[in-house]
N, C-alpha and C. Protein backbone atom coordinates (compact mmCIF):
# COMPACT_ATOMS: atom_id res chain seq x y z
N MET A 1 5.11 -13.63 -186.79
CA MET A 1 4.56 -13.56 -185.44
C MET A 1 5.62 -12.99 -184.50
N VAL A 2 5.23 -12.00 -183.67
CA VAL A 2 6.13 -11.38 -182.71
C VAL A 2 5.98 -12.08 -181.38
N MET A 3 7.09 -12.56 -180.83
CA MET A 3 7.04 -13.21 -179.52
C MET A 3 7.09 -12.16 -178.42
N SER A 4 6.24 -12.30 -177.41
CA SER A 4 6.27 -11.39 -176.26
C SER A 4 7.08 -12.03 -175.15
N PHE A 5 7.99 -11.23 -174.57
CA PHE A 5 8.86 -11.75 -173.51
C PHE A 5 8.42 -11.31 -172.13
N SER A 6 7.23 -10.70 -172.04
CA SER A 6 6.70 -10.34 -170.73
C SER A 6 6.32 -11.61 -169.99
N ALA A 7 6.67 -11.65 -168.71
CA ALA A 7 6.33 -12.81 -167.88
C ALA A 7 5.49 -12.30 -166.71
N GLY A 8 4.18 -12.48 -166.78
CA GLY A 8 3.31 -11.95 -165.73
C GLY A 8 3.38 -10.43 -165.73
N ASP A 9 3.74 -9.87 -164.57
CA ASP A 9 3.82 -8.43 -164.43
C ASP A 9 5.23 -7.90 -164.70
N ARG A 10 6.15 -8.77 -165.06
CA ARG A 10 7.55 -8.37 -165.23
C ARG A 10 7.93 -8.30 -166.70
N ARG A 11 8.66 -7.25 -167.06
CA ARG A 11 9.10 -7.09 -168.44
C ARG A 11 10.62 -6.98 -168.49
N PRO A 12 11.27 -7.62 -169.44
CA PRO A 12 12.69 -7.33 -169.66
C PRO A 12 12.83 -5.85 -169.98
N VAL A 13 14.00 -5.30 -169.69
CA VAL A 13 14.21 -3.87 -169.93
C VAL A 13 15.56 -3.64 -170.58
N VAL A 14 15.56 -2.76 -171.58
CA VAL A 14 16.79 -2.38 -172.28
C VAL A 14 17.03 -0.90 -172.01
N PHE A 15 18.17 -0.60 -171.40
CA PHE A 15 18.58 0.78 -171.15
C PHE A 15 19.43 1.24 -172.33
N LEU A 16 18.97 2.29 -172.99
CA LEU A 16 19.58 2.76 -174.23
C LEU A 16 20.29 4.08 -174.03
N ASP A 17 21.54 4.15 -174.47
CA ASP A 17 22.23 5.42 -174.54
C ASP A 17 21.58 6.26 -175.64
N ARG A 18 21.87 7.57 -175.66
CA ARG A 18 21.25 8.43 -176.67
C ARG A 18 22.21 8.70 -177.83
N ASP A 19 23.14 9.64 -177.63
CA ASP A 19 24.03 10.08 -178.71
C ASP A 19 24.96 8.95 -179.14
N GLY A 20 24.98 8.68 -180.43
CA GLY A 20 25.84 7.63 -180.96
C GLY A 20 25.21 6.25 -180.93
N THR A 21 24.05 6.15 -180.28
CA THR A 21 23.34 4.88 -180.19
C THR A 21 21.98 4.96 -180.88
N LEU A 22 21.19 5.95 -180.49
CA LEU A 22 19.89 6.18 -181.12
C LEU A 22 19.94 7.31 -182.14
N ASN A 23 20.69 8.35 -181.83
CA ASN A 23 20.85 9.46 -182.78
C ASN A 23 22.33 9.65 -183.12
N GLU A 24 22.57 10.29 -184.22
CA GLU A 24 23.94 10.46 -184.71
C GLU A 24 24.78 11.25 -183.73
N GLU A 25 26.04 10.83 -183.55
CA GLU A 25 26.97 11.52 -182.68
C GLU A 25 27.53 12.73 -183.42
N VAL A 26 27.16 13.94 -182.94
CA VAL A 26 27.64 15.18 -183.57
C VAL A 26 28.19 16.15 -182.52
N GLY A 27 28.57 15.62 -181.36
CA GLY A 27 29.06 16.49 -180.29
C GLY A 27 27.90 17.07 -179.50
N TYR A 28 28.18 18.13 -178.76
CA TYR A 28 27.13 18.77 -177.95
C TYR A 28 26.16 19.49 -178.88
N ILE A 29 24.89 19.15 -178.78
CA ILE A 29 23.89 19.60 -179.75
C ILE A 29 23.22 20.87 -179.25
N ARG A 30 23.61 21.99 -179.82
CA ARG A 30 23.00 23.27 -179.45
C ARG A 30 21.75 23.57 -180.29
N ASP A 31 21.72 23.07 -181.50
CA ASP A 31 20.60 23.27 -182.42
C ASP A 31 19.77 21.99 -182.45
N LEU A 32 18.52 22.07 -182.05
CA LEU A 32 17.67 20.87 -181.98
C LEU A 32 17.62 20.10 -183.28
N SER A 33 17.68 20.82 -184.40
CA SER A 33 17.55 20.15 -185.70
C SER A 33 18.72 19.21 -185.99
N ARG A 34 19.80 19.35 -185.23
CA ARG A 34 20.97 18.48 -185.46
C ARG A 34 20.82 17.11 -184.79
N LEU A 35 19.77 16.94 -184.00
CA LEU A 35 19.52 15.62 -183.44
C LEU A 35 18.75 14.82 -184.48
N VAL A 36 19.45 13.86 -185.08
CA VAL A 36 18.92 13.06 -186.19
C VAL A 36 19.07 11.59 -185.84
N LEU A 37 18.02 10.82 -186.01
CA LEU A 37 18.07 9.40 -185.69
C LEU A 37 19.08 8.67 -186.57
N ILE A 38 19.77 7.71 -185.97
CA ILE A 38 20.58 6.77 -186.73
C ILE A 38 19.63 5.88 -187.52
N ARG A 39 19.98 5.58 -188.74
CA ARG A 39 19.12 4.74 -189.58
C ARG A 39 18.83 3.41 -188.89
N GLY A 40 17.57 3.07 -188.83
CA GLY A 40 17.16 1.81 -188.21
C GLY A 40 16.88 1.89 -186.72
N ALA A 41 17.15 3.05 -186.11
CA ALA A 41 16.96 3.17 -184.66
C ALA A 41 15.49 3.02 -184.28
N ALA A 42 14.60 3.70 -185.00
CA ALA A 42 13.18 3.62 -184.67
C ALA A 42 12.66 2.20 -184.86
N ALA A 43 13.07 1.54 -185.93
CA ALA A 43 12.62 0.17 -186.17
C ALA A 43 13.09 -0.75 -185.05
N ALA A 44 14.31 -0.53 -184.56
CA ALA A 44 14.84 -1.36 -183.48
C ALA A 44 14.05 -1.16 -182.19
N VAL A 45 13.76 0.08 -181.85
CA VAL A 45 12.97 0.35 -180.64
C VAL A 45 11.56 -0.20 -180.80
N ARG A 46 11.01 -0.08 -181.98
CA ARG A 46 9.66 -0.61 -182.23
C ARG A 46 9.61 -2.12 -182.02
N ARG A 47 10.66 -2.81 -182.41
CA ARG A 47 10.72 -4.27 -182.20
C ARG A 47 10.74 -4.60 -180.71
N LEU A 48 11.42 -3.80 -179.92
CA LEU A 48 11.37 -4.00 -178.46
C LEU A 48 9.94 -3.81 -177.96
N ASN A 49 9.30 -2.73 -178.41
CA ASN A 49 7.91 -2.46 -178.02
C ASN A 49 7.02 -3.65 -178.35
N GLU A 50 7.13 -4.16 -179.56
CA GLU A 50 6.26 -5.24 -180.03
C GLU A 50 6.51 -6.55 -179.28
N SER A 51 7.69 -6.67 -178.69
CA SER A 51 8.04 -7.90 -177.97
C SER A 51 7.78 -7.80 -176.48
N GLY A 52 7.18 -6.71 -176.03
CA GLY A 52 6.87 -6.56 -174.62
C GLY A 52 8.07 -6.20 -173.76
N ILE A 53 9.12 -5.66 -174.40
CA ILE A 53 10.35 -5.30 -173.71
C ILE A 53 10.38 -3.79 -173.49
N ALA A 54 10.66 -3.37 -172.28
CA ALA A 54 10.72 -1.95 -171.99
C ALA A 54 11.97 -1.34 -172.62
N ALA A 55 11.79 -0.18 -173.25
CA ALA A 55 12.89 0.56 -173.85
C ALA A 55 13.05 1.87 -173.09
N VAL A 56 14.18 2.04 -172.42
CA VAL A 56 14.37 3.17 -171.51
C VAL A 56 15.65 3.93 -171.88
N LEU A 57 15.52 5.24 -172.04
CA LEU A 57 16.68 6.07 -172.30
C LEU A 57 17.44 6.29 -170.99
N ALA A 58 18.75 6.09 -171.01
CA ALA A 58 19.61 6.35 -169.85
C ALA A 58 20.88 7.01 -170.38
N SER A 59 20.99 8.32 -170.18
CA SER A 59 22.00 9.08 -170.91
C SER A 59 22.72 10.08 -170.02
N ASN A 60 24.04 10.16 -170.16
CA ASN A 60 24.82 11.24 -169.57
C ASN A 60 24.67 12.47 -170.45
N GLN A 61 24.28 13.60 -169.88
CA GLN A 61 24.12 14.84 -170.63
C GLN A 61 24.71 15.99 -169.83
N SER A 62 26.02 16.15 -169.94
CA SER A 62 26.73 17.12 -169.11
C SER A 62 26.84 18.50 -169.75
N GLY A 63 26.19 18.71 -170.89
CA GLY A 63 26.30 20.00 -171.57
C GLY A 63 25.88 21.17 -170.71
N ALA A 64 24.85 20.97 -169.89
CA ALA A 64 24.39 22.05 -169.01
C ALA A 64 25.42 22.33 -167.91
N ALA A 65 25.97 21.28 -167.34
CA ALA A 65 26.99 21.46 -166.30
C ALA A 65 28.24 22.15 -166.85
N ARG A 66 28.51 21.95 -168.12
CA ARG A 66 29.67 22.60 -168.76
C ARG A 66 29.36 24.03 -169.18
N GLY A 67 28.09 24.44 -169.06
CA GLY A 67 27.71 25.79 -169.42
C GLY A 67 27.44 26.00 -170.89
N TYR A 68 27.26 24.91 -171.64
CA TYR A 68 27.03 25.02 -173.08
C TYR A 68 25.59 25.43 -173.39
N TYR A 69 24.65 25.00 -172.55
CA TYR A 69 23.24 25.32 -172.72
C TYR A 69 22.53 24.98 -171.41
N SER A 70 21.25 25.30 -171.34
CA SER A 70 20.48 25.09 -170.11
C SER A 70 20.03 23.64 -169.97
N GLU A 71 19.64 23.29 -168.74
CA GLU A 71 19.09 21.96 -168.54
C GLU A 71 17.77 21.80 -169.29
N GLU A 72 17.04 22.91 -169.46
CA GLU A 72 15.80 22.87 -170.24
C GLU A 72 16.08 22.45 -171.68
N HIS A 73 17.25 22.82 -172.19
CA HIS A 73 17.61 22.44 -173.55
C HIS A 73 17.81 20.93 -173.64
N ILE A 74 18.37 20.32 -172.60
CA ILE A 74 18.50 18.87 -172.57
C ILE A 74 17.12 18.23 -172.67
N GLY A 75 16.16 18.79 -171.92
CA GLY A 75 14.80 18.28 -171.99
C GLY A 75 14.22 18.40 -173.38
N ALA A 76 14.51 19.52 -174.06
CA ALA A 76 14.00 19.71 -175.42
C ALA A 76 14.64 18.72 -176.39
N LEU A 77 15.91 18.44 -176.21
CA LEU A 77 16.59 17.45 -177.06
C LEU A 77 15.98 16.06 -176.85
N ASN A 78 15.77 15.71 -175.59
CA ASN A 78 15.17 14.40 -175.31
C ASN A 78 13.76 14.30 -175.89
N GLN A 79 13.02 15.40 -175.81
CA GLN A 79 11.67 15.39 -176.37
C GLN A 79 11.71 15.25 -177.88
N ARG A 80 12.69 15.88 -178.52
CA ARG A 80 12.81 15.71 -179.98
C ARG A 80 13.09 14.24 -180.32
N LEU A 81 13.95 13.60 -179.53
CA LEU A 81 14.21 12.18 -179.75
C LEU A 81 12.93 11.37 -179.63
N VAL A 82 12.19 11.62 -178.57
CA VAL A 82 10.92 10.90 -178.36
C VAL A 82 9.98 11.12 -179.54
N ASP A 83 9.90 12.36 -180.01
CA ASP A 83 8.98 12.69 -181.11
C ASP A 83 9.42 12.03 -182.42
N LEU A 84 10.73 12.03 -182.69
CA LEU A 84 11.22 11.40 -183.92
C LEU A 84 10.95 9.90 -183.91
N LEU A 85 11.14 9.27 -182.76
CA LEU A 85 10.85 7.85 -182.66
C LEU A 85 9.36 7.59 -182.83
N ALA A 86 8.55 8.41 -182.15
CA ALA A 86 7.10 8.22 -182.21
C ALA A 86 6.56 8.38 -183.62
N ALA A 87 7.19 9.25 -184.40
CA ALA A 87 6.75 9.46 -185.78
C ALA A 87 6.90 8.19 -186.61
N GLN A 88 7.75 7.26 -186.14
CA GLN A 88 7.93 5.98 -186.83
C GLN A 88 7.37 4.81 -186.01
N GLY A 89 6.48 5.14 -185.08
CA GLY A 89 5.79 4.09 -184.34
C GLY A 89 6.58 3.45 -183.23
N ALA A 90 7.62 4.14 -182.73
CA ALA A 90 8.46 3.59 -181.67
C ALA A 90 8.27 4.39 -180.38
N LEU A 91 8.29 3.69 -179.25
CA LEU A 91 7.99 4.31 -177.96
C LEU A 91 9.10 4.05 -176.96
N LEU A 92 9.52 5.12 -176.28
CA LEU A 92 10.39 4.97 -175.11
C LEU A 92 9.50 4.90 -173.88
N ASP A 93 9.69 3.88 -173.06
CA ASP A 93 8.87 3.71 -171.87
C ASP A 93 9.21 4.71 -170.78
N ALA A 94 10.43 5.20 -170.77
CA ALA A 94 10.85 6.20 -169.79
C ALA A 94 12.12 6.86 -170.29
N VAL A 95 12.36 8.06 -169.79
CA VAL A 95 13.55 8.84 -170.18
C VAL A 95 14.25 9.30 -168.91
N TYR A 96 15.52 8.94 -168.78
CA TYR A 96 16.34 9.36 -167.65
C TYR A 96 17.66 9.92 -168.18
N TYR A 97 18.15 10.96 -167.53
CA TYR A 97 19.45 11.50 -167.92
C TYR A 97 20.15 12.07 -166.69
N CYS A 98 21.45 12.12 -166.76
CA CYS A 98 22.26 12.74 -165.71
C CYS A 98 22.82 14.05 -166.25
N PRO A 99 22.52 15.20 -165.61
CA PRO A 99 23.03 16.48 -166.08
C PRO A 99 24.32 16.91 -165.39
N HIS A 100 24.84 16.06 -164.52
CA HIS A 100 25.94 16.47 -163.64
C HIS A 100 27.32 16.23 -164.23
N LEU A 101 28.28 16.98 -163.75
CA LEU A 101 29.70 16.77 -164.05
C LEU A 101 30.47 17.44 -162.94
N GLU A 102 31.19 16.65 -162.16
CA GLU A 102 31.84 17.17 -160.95
C GLU A 102 32.78 18.33 -161.27
N GLU A 103 33.45 18.25 -162.42
CA GLU A 103 34.40 19.31 -162.80
C GLU A 103 33.77 20.32 -163.75
N GLY A 104 32.45 20.44 -163.74
CA GLY A 104 31.77 21.38 -164.61
C GLY A 104 31.97 22.83 -164.19
N SER A 105 31.30 23.74 -164.89
CA SER A 105 31.46 25.17 -164.61
C SER A 105 30.19 25.81 -164.03
N VAL A 106 29.09 25.07 -163.99
CA VAL A 106 27.83 25.57 -163.42
C VAL A 106 27.69 24.95 -162.03
N PRO A 107 27.83 25.77 -160.97
CA PRO A 107 27.90 25.21 -159.61
C PRO A 107 26.77 24.25 -159.24
N ALA A 108 25.54 24.58 -159.61
CA ALA A 108 24.41 23.74 -159.20
C ALA A 108 24.48 22.33 -159.78
N LEU A 109 25.17 22.18 -160.91
CA LEU A 109 25.25 20.88 -161.59
C LEU A 109 26.63 20.25 -161.48
N SER A 110 27.59 20.98 -160.92
CA SER A 110 28.97 20.49 -160.84
C SER A 110 29.18 19.79 -159.49
N VAL A 111 28.56 18.64 -159.38
CA VAL A 111 28.57 17.89 -158.13
C VAL A 111 28.86 16.43 -158.41
N ALA A 112 29.39 15.75 -157.38
CA ALA A 112 29.52 14.29 -157.47
C ALA A 112 28.13 13.70 -157.31
N CYS A 113 27.80 12.70 -158.11
CA CYS A 113 26.46 12.13 -158.08
C CYS A 113 26.54 10.62 -158.25
N ASP A 114 25.40 9.98 -158.09
CA ASP A 114 25.36 8.53 -158.30
C ASP A 114 24.63 8.17 -159.58
N CYS A 115 24.37 9.20 -160.43
CA CYS A 115 23.60 8.93 -161.65
C CYS A 115 24.42 9.07 -162.93
N ARG A 116 25.64 9.59 -162.84
CA ARG A 116 26.46 9.70 -164.05
C ARG A 116 27.04 8.34 -164.37
N LYS A 117 26.69 7.81 -165.53
CA LYS A 117 27.22 6.50 -165.92
C LYS A 117 28.75 6.54 -165.90
N PRO A 118 29.40 5.49 -165.39
CA PRO A 118 28.87 4.13 -165.13
C PRO A 118 28.26 3.89 -163.76
N ALA A 119 28.08 4.94 -162.95
CA ALA A 119 27.35 4.74 -161.69
C ALA A 119 25.92 4.29 -162.02
N PRO A 120 25.32 3.50 -161.15
CA PRO A 120 24.03 2.87 -161.48
C PRO A 120 22.80 3.68 -161.14
N GLY A 121 22.94 4.94 -160.77
CA GLY A 121 21.80 5.70 -160.25
C GLY A 121 20.60 5.78 -161.18
N LEU A 122 20.84 5.95 -162.48
CA LEU A 122 19.71 6.04 -163.42
C LEU A 122 18.94 4.74 -163.47
N VAL A 123 19.66 3.63 -163.45
CA VAL A 123 19.00 2.32 -163.47
C VAL A 123 18.24 2.07 -162.17
N VAL A 124 18.87 2.42 -161.06
CA VAL A 124 18.21 2.25 -159.75
C VAL A 124 16.91 3.06 -159.71
N ARG A 125 16.95 4.28 -160.21
CA ARG A 125 15.75 5.11 -160.23
C ARG A 125 14.67 4.48 -161.11
N ALA A 126 15.07 3.99 -162.28
CA ALA A 126 14.10 3.38 -163.19
C ALA A 126 13.45 2.16 -162.55
N LEU A 127 14.23 1.33 -161.89
CA LEU A 127 13.68 0.12 -161.27
C LEU A 127 12.75 0.48 -160.11
N THR A 128 13.07 1.55 -159.41
CA THR A 128 12.22 1.98 -158.30
C THR A 128 10.89 2.51 -158.82
N GLU A 129 10.93 3.29 -159.89
CA GLU A 129 9.72 3.92 -160.42
C GLU A 129 8.90 3.00 -161.31
N HIS A 130 9.50 1.89 -161.74
CA HIS A 130 8.80 0.96 -162.64
C HIS A 130 8.95 -0.47 -162.10
N PRO A 131 8.15 -0.84 -161.12
CA PRO A 131 8.29 -2.17 -160.52
C PRO A 131 8.00 -3.31 -161.49
N ASP A 132 7.48 -3.00 -162.68
CA ASP A 132 7.24 -4.06 -163.66
C ASP A 132 8.49 -4.43 -164.43
N PHE A 133 9.58 -3.67 -164.27
CA PHE A 133 10.83 -4.01 -164.96
C PHE A 133 11.47 -5.21 -164.26
N ASP A 134 11.93 -6.15 -165.06
CA ASP A 134 12.50 -7.40 -164.53
C ASP A 134 14.00 -7.22 -164.29
N ARG A 135 14.41 -7.21 -163.03
CA ARG A 135 15.82 -7.02 -162.67
C ARG A 135 16.69 -8.17 -163.17
N GLN A 136 16.08 -9.31 -163.44
CA GLN A 136 16.86 -10.48 -163.88
C GLN A 136 17.05 -10.50 -165.39
N ARG A 137 16.37 -9.61 -166.09
CA ARG A 137 16.49 -9.57 -167.56
C ARG A 137 16.67 -8.12 -167.99
N MET A 138 17.88 -7.62 -167.74
CA MET A 138 18.21 -6.23 -168.07
C MET A 138 19.39 -6.19 -169.04
N TYR A 139 19.36 -5.20 -169.92
CA TYR A 139 20.42 -4.99 -170.90
C TYR A 139 20.74 -3.50 -170.96
N VAL A 140 22.01 -3.20 -171.24
CA VAL A 140 22.43 -1.82 -171.49
C VAL A 140 23.07 -1.78 -172.87
N VAL A 141 22.62 -0.85 -173.71
CA VAL A 141 23.15 -0.71 -175.06
C VAL A 141 23.72 0.70 -175.20
N GLY A 142 24.98 0.78 -175.61
CA GLY A 142 25.59 2.10 -175.81
C GLY A 142 26.88 2.02 -176.58
N ASP A 143 27.43 3.20 -176.88
CA ASP A 143 28.64 3.27 -177.71
C ASP A 143 29.88 3.60 -176.90
N LYS A 144 29.80 3.56 -175.58
CA LYS A 144 30.94 3.96 -174.75
C LYS A 144 31.28 2.89 -173.72
N ALA A 145 32.52 2.93 -173.27
CA ALA A 145 32.94 2.02 -172.20
C ALA A 145 32.09 2.22 -170.96
N THR A 146 31.66 3.45 -170.71
CA THR A 146 30.83 3.72 -169.54
C THR A 146 29.51 2.96 -169.59
N ASP A 147 28.99 2.72 -170.79
CA ASP A 147 27.74 1.96 -170.92
C ASP A 147 27.96 0.50 -170.54
N VAL A 148 29.06 -0.06 -171.00
CA VAL A 148 29.36 -1.46 -170.67
C VAL A 148 29.61 -1.60 -169.17
N GLU A 149 30.31 -0.62 -168.59
CA GLU A 149 30.56 -0.67 -167.15
C GLU A 149 29.27 -0.46 -166.35
N LEU A 150 28.36 0.36 -166.86
CA LEU A 150 27.06 0.50 -166.21
C LEU A 150 26.39 -0.86 -166.12
N ALA A 151 26.42 -1.60 -167.21
CA ALA A 151 25.81 -2.94 -167.20
C ALA A 151 26.42 -3.79 -166.11
N ARG A 152 27.74 -3.77 -165.99
CA ARG A 152 28.41 -4.56 -164.96
C ARG A 152 27.97 -4.10 -163.57
N ASN A 153 27.82 -2.80 -163.40
CA ASN A 153 27.52 -2.24 -162.08
C ASN A 153 26.08 -2.47 -161.64
N CYS A 154 25.20 -2.82 -162.57
CA CYS A 154 23.79 -3.03 -162.18
C CYS A 154 23.31 -4.44 -162.48
N GLY A 155 24.22 -5.34 -162.84
CA GLY A 155 23.85 -6.73 -163.06
C GLY A 155 23.14 -6.99 -164.36
N ALA A 156 23.39 -6.13 -165.36
CA ALA A 156 22.78 -6.29 -166.68
C ALA A 156 23.80 -6.87 -167.66
N LYS A 157 23.34 -7.20 -168.86
CA LYS A 157 24.24 -7.58 -169.94
C LYS A 157 24.53 -6.33 -170.77
N GLY A 158 25.79 -6.15 -171.14
CA GLY A 158 26.20 -4.94 -171.83
C GLY A 158 26.49 -5.18 -173.30
N ILE A 159 25.91 -4.36 -174.15
CA ILE A 159 26.14 -4.44 -175.60
C ILE A 159 26.78 -3.14 -176.05
N LEU A 160 27.93 -3.23 -176.69
CA LEU A 160 28.62 -2.06 -177.25
C LEU A 160 28.31 -1.98 -178.73
N VAL A 161 27.76 -0.84 -179.15
CA VAL A 161 27.50 -0.64 -180.58
C VAL A 161 28.69 0.07 -181.22
N GLU A 162 28.98 -0.26 -182.46
CA GLU A 162 30.13 0.31 -183.15
C GLU A 162 29.86 1.70 -183.71
N THR A 163 28.60 2.15 -183.64
CA THR A 163 28.27 3.50 -184.07
C THR A 163 28.76 4.49 -183.00
N GLY A 164 28.66 5.79 -183.30
CA GLY A 164 29.13 6.78 -182.33
C GLY A 164 30.61 6.59 -182.03
N PHE A 165 30.93 6.48 -180.73
CA PHE A 165 32.33 6.29 -180.31
C PHE A 165 32.69 4.81 -180.18
N GLY A 166 31.75 3.92 -180.49
CA GLY A 166 31.99 2.50 -180.26
C GLY A 166 33.21 1.95 -180.96
N SER A 167 33.40 2.31 -182.23
CA SER A 167 34.56 1.79 -182.96
C SER A 167 35.86 2.30 -182.34
N GLN A 168 35.84 3.51 -181.80
CA GLN A 168 37.05 4.05 -181.15
C GLN A 168 37.32 3.36 -179.81
N VAL A 169 36.25 2.99 -179.09
CA VAL A 169 36.44 2.21 -177.86
C VAL A 169 37.11 0.88 -178.20
N LEU A 170 36.63 0.24 -179.25
CA LEU A 170 37.20 -1.05 -179.66
C LEU A 170 38.65 -0.91 -180.10
N ALA A 171 38.97 0.23 -180.72
CA ALA A 171 40.34 0.46 -181.20
C ALA A 171 41.28 0.92 -180.09
N GLY A 172 40.73 1.22 -178.92
CA GLY A 172 41.54 1.66 -177.80
C GLY A 172 41.92 3.13 -177.85
N THR A 173 41.20 3.93 -178.65
CA THR A 173 41.53 5.35 -178.79
C THR A 173 40.52 6.25 -178.07
N TYR A 174 39.53 5.67 -177.39
CA TYR A 174 38.55 6.46 -176.66
C TYR A 174 38.19 5.72 -175.37
N GLN A 175 38.19 6.44 -174.26
CA GLN A 175 37.93 5.88 -172.95
C GLN A 175 38.89 4.73 -172.63
N TRP A 176 38.41 3.53 -172.38
CA TRP A 176 39.27 2.45 -171.93
C TRP A 176 38.72 1.12 -172.44
N PRO A 177 39.54 0.06 -172.45
CA PRO A 177 39.08 -1.24 -172.95
C PRO A 177 37.99 -1.84 -172.06
N VAL A 178 37.02 -2.47 -172.69
CA VAL A 178 35.96 -3.17 -171.96
C VAL A 178 35.66 -4.49 -172.67
N GLN A 179 34.97 -5.35 -171.96
CA GLN A 179 34.57 -6.63 -172.52
C GLN A 179 33.05 -6.73 -172.49
N PRO A 180 32.38 -6.25 -173.53
CA PRO A 180 30.92 -6.35 -173.56
C PRO A 180 30.46 -7.78 -173.73
N ASP A 181 29.22 -8.03 -173.40
CA ASP A 181 28.64 -9.35 -173.66
C ASP A 181 28.46 -9.56 -175.16
N TYR A 182 28.29 -8.46 -175.87
CA TYR A 182 28.16 -8.54 -177.33
C TYR A 182 28.59 -7.22 -177.93
N THR A 183 29.25 -7.29 -179.07
CA THR A 183 29.60 -6.10 -179.84
C THR A 183 28.73 -6.08 -181.08
N ALA A 184 27.93 -5.02 -181.22
CA ALA A 184 26.95 -4.94 -182.30
C ALA A 184 27.36 -3.90 -183.33
N ARG A 185 26.98 -4.14 -184.57
CA ARG A 185 27.25 -3.15 -185.62
C ARG A 185 26.48 -1.86 -185.36
N GLY A 186 25.30 -1.99 -184.81
CA GLY A 186 24.45 -0.84 -184.52
C GLY A 186 23.28 -1.28 -183.69
N ILE A 187 22.34 -0.38 -183.47
CA ILE A 187 21.21 -0.66 -182.59
C ILE A 187 20.34 -1.81 -183.10
N GLY A 188 20.17 -1.93 -184.40
CA GLY A 188 19.38 -3.04 -184.94
C GLY A 188 19.99 -4.39 -184.62
N ASP A 189 21.31 -4.50 -184.81
CA ASP A 189 22.04 -5.72 -184.51
C ASP A 189 21.97 -6.01 -183.01
N ALA A 190 22.05 -4.96 -182.19
CA ALA A 190 21.96 -5.13 -180.74
C ALA A 190 20.62 -5.72 -180.34
N VAL A 191 19.53 -5.23 -180.93
CA VAL A 191 18.21 -5.76 -180.61
C VAL A 191 18.06 -7.19 -181.10
N ASP A 192 18.63 -7.51 -182.25
CA ASP A 192 18.63 -8.91 -182.72
C ASP A 192 19.23 -9.81 -181.65
N TRP A 193 20.38 -9.40 -181.11
CA TRP A 193 21.07 -10.22 -180.12
C TRP A 193 20.25 -10.35 -178.84
N ILE A 194 19.67 -9.25 -178.40
CA ILE A 194 18.85 -9.28 -177.18
C ILE A 194 17.67 -10.23 -177.34
N LEU A 195 16.97 -10.14 -178.46
CA LEU A 195 15.82 -11.03 -178.69
C LEU A 195 16.25 -12.49 -178.72
N ALA A 196 17.38 -12.75 -179.37
CA ALA A 196 17.89 -14.13 -179.41
C ALA A 196 18.29 -14.62 -178.03
N ASP A 197 18.90 -13.73 -177.24
CA ASP A 197 19.31 -14.09 -175.89
C ASP A 197 18.12 -14.40 -175.01
N LEU A 198 17.06 -13.61 -175.14
CA LEU A 198 15.85 -13.85 -174.35
C LEU A 198 15.16 -15.15 -174.78
N LYS A 199 15.18 -15.44 -176.08
CA LYS A 199 14.59 -16.69 -176.54
C LYS A 199 15.35 -17.89 -175.98
N THR A 200 16.67 -17.78 -175.94
CA THR A 200 17.49 -18.86 -175.39
C THR A 200 17.13 -19.10 -173.93
N ALA A 201 16.90 -18.05 -173.18
CA ALA A 201 16.58 -18.17 -171.77
C ALA A 201 15.23 -18.84 -171.53
N LEU A 202 14.34 -18.78 -172.54
CA LEU A 202 13.03 -19.39 -172.41
C LEU A 202 13.06 -20.90 -172.63
N ARG A 203 14.13 -21.39 -173.24
CA ARG A 203 14.19 -22.82 -173.57
C ARG A 203 14.42 -23.68 -172.33
């Protein structure tokens, strides 16, 4: 039996990073076919769906600002992710990304913004556009220190996955040290922890 964590019109929400969390980390993806799901990612998202928990993509995607490809290509990559998940019965409730990088090479996208993680702009936008998301039951899952800091900046619980750059963050060789609420082996383990945490809150 799957427990639903929806309370009235409010749903817990999990903000998911993309590269290194849902799909394999392979650097800037110029070829769509190189976006490949991490094993178990679709099953993990499907479990969120079945439990009444919103699953929302929140991703920094500065490749366009760096001049590597167009912003339309970012959209195509995100759509491929959505399609790969859907093929295994998993649904993203919304997709948000930040294309900006202040020190980028494309003037229109090389700006200071409030949506590049760890700034909370993507989360703020999601909460504004989806009033059914429960601000008191929010989680951020990702493989970077910026994901954990995003959680701190928006009042969510932060889970660092060891996939992607996560193991390097833990080793102190990428970005900077952080203290997540939980360190997960991967997205499946992260969802296990989230479900257990929500069950504890119901007691």
